[in-house]
Amino acid sequence: MNGTELMAPSGPDPVAAYPHARRVGNFLFISGLGPHKRGEKELPISFADEVHGVFHNLKVILEAAGASLENVVDVTGFLTDLDKDFATYNAIYAEYLGQIRPARTTIQVSALPRGIHVELKVLAVTK
């Protein structure tokens, strides 16, 4: 069962051959999200702006799927520098998902595509 591919019209430009998300039954598997908005090549100025950009992209994709942040059940966050950036990431994460409280994992990686410093991998459940 491969499910149905979803590309949000105003979602970010993928950096490789993958959809924004794939719906399988009630599950929405969202591909790794960075902070770039559609048509933009430059990184946001600050790490905080990158995190807000990632959540903006998440909301755009969820809305295109007929869902919202309240449908998020699991988040994997990838940061390139936990020591420097975790507190900022955690505070902004709480703004968007603090009341929803999905399952969550945050890990440090050595690098991310296009020089970004944060990426999210998300699972949502829809009706």
C-alpha atoms as a PDB file:
ATOM      1  CA  MET A   1       0.000   0.000   0.000  1.00  0.00           C
ATOM      2  CA  ASN A   2       1.833   3.102  -1.258  1.00  0.00           C
ATOM      3  CA  GLY A   3      -0.858   5.620  -0.400  1.00  0.00           C
ATOM      4  CA  THR A   4      -1.533   8.934  -2.084  1.00  0.00           C
ATOM      5  CA  GLU A   5       1.130  11.535  -2.803  1.00  0.00           C
ATOM      6  CA  LEU A   6       0.512  15.118  -1.645  1.00  0.00           C
ATOM      7  CA  MET A   7       2.205  18.241  -2.985  1.00  0.00           C
ATOM      8  CA  ALA A   8       1.032  21.477  -1.347  1.00  0.00           C
ATOM      9  CA  PRO A   9       0.753  24.217  -4.008  1.00  0.00           C
ATOM     10  CA  SER A  10       2.408  26.799  -1.729  1.00  0.00           C
ATOM     11  CA  GLY A  11       4.687  24.325   0.028  1.00  0.00           C
ATOM     12  CA  PRO A  12       8.474  24.515  -0.100  1.00  0.00           C
ATOM     13  CA  ASP A  13      10.422  23.441  -3.159  1.00  0.00           C
ATOM     14  CA  PRO A  14      11.638  19.867  -2.529  1.00  0.00           C
ATOM     15  CA  VAL A  15      15.427  19.475  -2.728  1.00  0.00           C
ATOM     16  CA  ALA A  16      15.114  16.006  -4.295  1.00  0.00           C
ATOM     17  CA  ALA A  17      12.521  13.653  -5.819  1.00  0.00           C
ATOM     18  CA  TYR A  18       9.917  13.279  -3.062  1.00  0.00           C
ATOM     19  CA  PRO A  19       6.416  14.551  -2.266  1.00  0.00           C
ATOM     20  CA  HIS A  20       5.633  16.891   0.613  1.00  0.00           C
ATOM     21  CA  ALA A  21       3.662  14.068   2.178  1.00  0.00           C
ATOM     22  CA  ARG A  22       2.108  10.678   1.576  1.00  0.00           C
ATOM     23  CA  ARG A  23      -1.309   9.710   2.930  1.00  0.00           C
ATOM     24  CA  VAL A  24      -1.772   6.056   3.839  1.00  0.00           C
ATOM     25  CA  GLY A  25      -5.166   5.413   5.399  1.00  0.00           C
ATOM     26  CA  ASN A  26      -5.554   7.994   8.180  1.00  0.00           C
ATOM     27  CA  PHE A  27      -1.805   8.567   8.441  1.00  0.00           C
ATOM     28  CA  LEU A  28      -0.039  11.532   6.864  1.00  0.00           C
ATOM     29  CA  PHE A  29       3.716  10.974   6.581  1.00  0.00           C
ATOM     30  CA  ILE A  30       5.345  14.358   6.012  1.00  0.00           C
ATOM     31  CA  SER A  31       8.746  14.444   4.331  1.00  0.00           C
ATOM     32  CA  GLY A  32      11.644  16.205   6.029  1.00  0.00           C
ATOM     33  CA  LEU A  33      10.934  19.937   6.190  1.00  0.00           C
ATOM     34  CA  GLY A  34      13.430  22.759   6.143  1.00  0.00           C
ATOM     35  CA  PRO A  35      12.856  26.497   6.517  1.00  0.00           C
ATOM     36  CA  HIS A  36      12.880  27.592   2.861  1.00  0.00           C
ATOM     37  CA  LYS A  37       9.637  28.972   1.488  1.00  0.00           C
ATOM     38  CA  ARG A  38       8.605  28.236  -2.085  1.00  0.00           C
ATOM     39  CA  GLY A  39      10.889  29.987  -4.555  1.00  0.00           C
ATOM     40  CA  GLU A  40      13.414  31.126  -1.937  1.00  0.00           C
ATOM     41  CA  LYS A  41      17.041  30.012  -2.016  1.00  0.00           C
ATOM     42  CA  GLU A  42      18.503  32.070   0.845  1.00  0.00           C
ATOM     43  CA  LEU A  43      18.416  30.865   4.436  1.00  0.00           C
ATOM     44  CA  PRO A  44      16.496  32.892   6.993  1.00  0.00           C
ATOM     45  CA  ILE A  45      18.752  35.288   8.915  1.00  0.00           C
ATOM     46  CA  SER A  46      18.635  33.633  12.344  1.00  0.00           C
ATOM     47  CA  PHE A  47      18.204  30.133  13.709  1.00  0.00           C
ATOM     48  CA  ALA A  48      14.900  31.265  15.272  1.00  0.00           C
ATOM     49  CA  ASP A  49      13.725  32.382  11.822  1.00  0.00           C
ATOM     50  CA  GLU A  50      14.670  28.945  10.459  1.00  0.00           C
ATOM     51  CA  VAL A  51      12.564  27.213  13.118  1.00  0.00           C
ATOM     52  CA  HIS A  52       9.579  29.483  12.430  1.00  0.00           C
ATOM     53  CA  GLY A  53      10.067  28.768   8.701  1.00  0.00           C
ATOM     54  CA  VAL A  54       9.960  25.015   9.302  1.00  0.00           C
ATOM     55  CA  PHE A  55       6.704  25.333  11.234  1.00  0.00           C
ATOM     56  CA  HIS A  56       5.277  27.627   8.541  1.00  0.00           C
ATOM     57  CA  ASN A  57       6.003  24.908   5.961  1.00  0.00           C
ATOM     58  CA  LEU A  58       4.487  22.258   8.204  1.00  0.00           C
ATOM     59  CA  LYS A  59       1.271  24.271   8.562  1.00  0.00           C
ATOM     60  CA  VAL A  60       1.074  24.836   4.781  1.00  0.00           C
ATOM     61  CA  ILE A  61       1.385  21.110   4.074  1.00  0.00           C
ATOM     62  CA  LEU A  62      -1.050  20.108   6.801  1.00  0.00           C
ATOM     63  CA  GLU A  63      -3.621  22.623   5.515  1.00  0.00           C
ATOM     64  CA  ALA A  64      -3.226  21.280   1.963  1.00  0.00           C
ATOM     65  CA  ALA A  65      -4.052  17.845   3.391  1.00  0.00           C
ATOM     66  CA  GLY A  66      -7.140  19.166   5.198  1.00  0.00           C
ATOM     67  CA  ALA A  67      -5.409  18.947   8.569  1.00  0.00           C
ATOM     68  CA  SER A  68      -3.818  21.245  11.157  1.00  0.00           C
ATOM     69  CA  LEU A  69      -1.150  21.183  13.838  1.00  0.00           C
ATOM     70  CA  GLU A  70      -3.669  19.475  16.111  1.00  0.00           C
ATOM     71  CA  ASN A  71      -3.384  16.368  13.896  1.00  0.00           C
ATOM     72  CA  VAL A  72       0.368  15.992  14.598  1.00  0.00           C
ATOM     73  CA  VAL A  73       1.149  12.876  16.641  1.00  0.00           C
ATOM     74  CA  ASP A  74       4.930  12.481  16.256  1.00  0.00           C
ATOM     75  CA  VAL A  75       7.823  14.843  15.493  1.00  0.00           C
ATOM     76  CA  THR A  76      11.462  14.050  14.864  1.00  0.00           C
ATOM     77  CA  GLY A  77      13.638  17.154  14.941  1.00  0.00           C
ATOM     78  CA  PHE A  78      17.127  17.246  13.475  1.00  0.00           C
ATOM     79  CA  LEU A  79      19.485  20.017  14.630  1.00  0.00           C
ATOM     80  CA  THR A  80      23.076  20.597  13.557  1.00  0.00           C
ATOM     81  CA  ASP A  81      24.090  22.046  16.955  1.00  0.00           C
ATOM     82  CA  LEU A  82      22.128  20.905  20.011  1.00  0.00           C
ATOM     83  CA  ASP A  83      24.327  22.786  22.490  1.00  0.00           C
ATOM     84  CA  LYS A  84      23.837  26.130  20.761  1.00  0.00           C
ATOM     85  CA  ASP A  85      20.321  25.809  19.334  1.00  0.00           C
ATOM     86  CA  PHE A  86      18.225  23.427  21.454  1.00  0.00           C
ATOM     87  CA  ALA A  87      16.846  26.053  23.853  1.00  0.00           C
ATOM     88  CA  THR A  88      15.686  28.247  20.956  1.00  0.00           C
ATOM     89  CA  TYR A  89      14.232  25.254  19.113  1.00  0.00           C
ATOM     90  CA  ASN A  90      12.460  24.039  22.240  1.00  0.00           C
ATOM     91  CA  ALA A  91      10.909  27.451  22.977  1.00  0.00           C
ATOM     92  CA  ILE A  92       9.611  27.906  19.420  1.00  0.00           C
ATOM     93  CA  TYR A  93       8.453  24.278  19.249  1.00  0.00           C
ATOM     94  CA  ALA A  94       6.380  24.963  22.379  1.00  0.00           C
ATOM     95  CA  GLU A  95       4.707  27.946  20.666  1.00  0.00           C
ATOM     96  CA  TYR A  96       3.395  25.679  17.919  1.00  0.00           C
ATOM     97  CA  LEU A  97       2.988  22.253  19.543  1.00  0.00           C
ATOM     98  CA  GLY A  98       3.282  22.769  23.299  1.00  0.00           C
ATOM     99  CA  GLN A  99      -0.445  22.404  23.961  1.00  0.00           C
ATOM    100  CA  ILE A 100      -0.789  19.498  21.501  1.00  0.00           C
ATOM    101  CA  ARG A 101       2.114  17.514  22.985  1.00  0.00           C
ATOM    102  CA  PRO A 102       2.870  14.987  20.212  1.00  0.00           C
ATOM    103  CA  ALA A 103       5.490  12.301  20.770  1.00  0.00           C
ATOM    104  CA  ARG A 104       8.875  13.821  20.070  1.00  0.00           C
ATOM    105  CA  THR A 105      12.526  13.037  19.377  1.00  0.00           C
ATOM    106  CA  THR A 106      15.300  15.560  18.789  1.00  0.00           C
ATOM    107  CA  ILE A 107      18.721  14.531  17.561  1.00  0.00           C
ATOM    108  CA  GLN A 108      21.907  16.209  16.409  1.00  0.00           C
ATOM    109  CA  VAL A 109      23.198  15.547  12.900  1.00  0.00           C
ATOM    110  CA  SER A 110      26.447  16.665  11.302  1.00  0.00           C
ATOM    111  CA  ALA A 111      24.794  18.406   8.342  1.00  0.00           C
ATOM    112  CA  LEU A 112      21.465  18.996   6.595  1.00  0.00           C
ATOM    113  CA  PRO A 113      20.688  19.767   2.926  1.00  0.00           C
ATOM    114  CA  ARG A 114      21.219  23.295   1.566  1.00  0.00           C
ATOM    115  CA  GLY A 115      23.059  24.430   4.693  1.00  0.00           C
ATOM    116  CA  ILE A 116      19.992  24.478   6.939  1.00  0.00           C
ATOM    117  CA  HIS A 117      20.320  23.995  10.697  1.00  0.00           C
ATOM    118  CA  VAL A 118      16.931  22.437  11.509  1.00  0.00           C
ATOM    119  CA  GLU A 119      14.662  19.900   9.823  1.00  0.00           C
ATOM    120  CA  LEU A 120      11.459  18.210  10.974  1.00  0.00           C
ATOM    121  CA  LYS A 121      10.033  14.794  10.083  1.00  0.00           C
ATOM    122  CA  VAL A 122       6.361  14.617  11.081  1.00  0.00           C
ATOM    123  CA  LEU A 123       3.572  12.060  11.338  1.00  0.00           C
ATOM    124  CA  ALA A 124      -0.023  13.258  11.545  1.00  0.00           C
ATOM    125  CA  VAL A 125      -3.318  11.399  11.803  1.00  0.00           C
ATOM    126  CA  THR A 126      -6.258  12.668   9.760  1.00  0.00           C
ATOM    127  CA  LYS A 127      -9.889  11.683   9.329  1.00  0.00           C
END
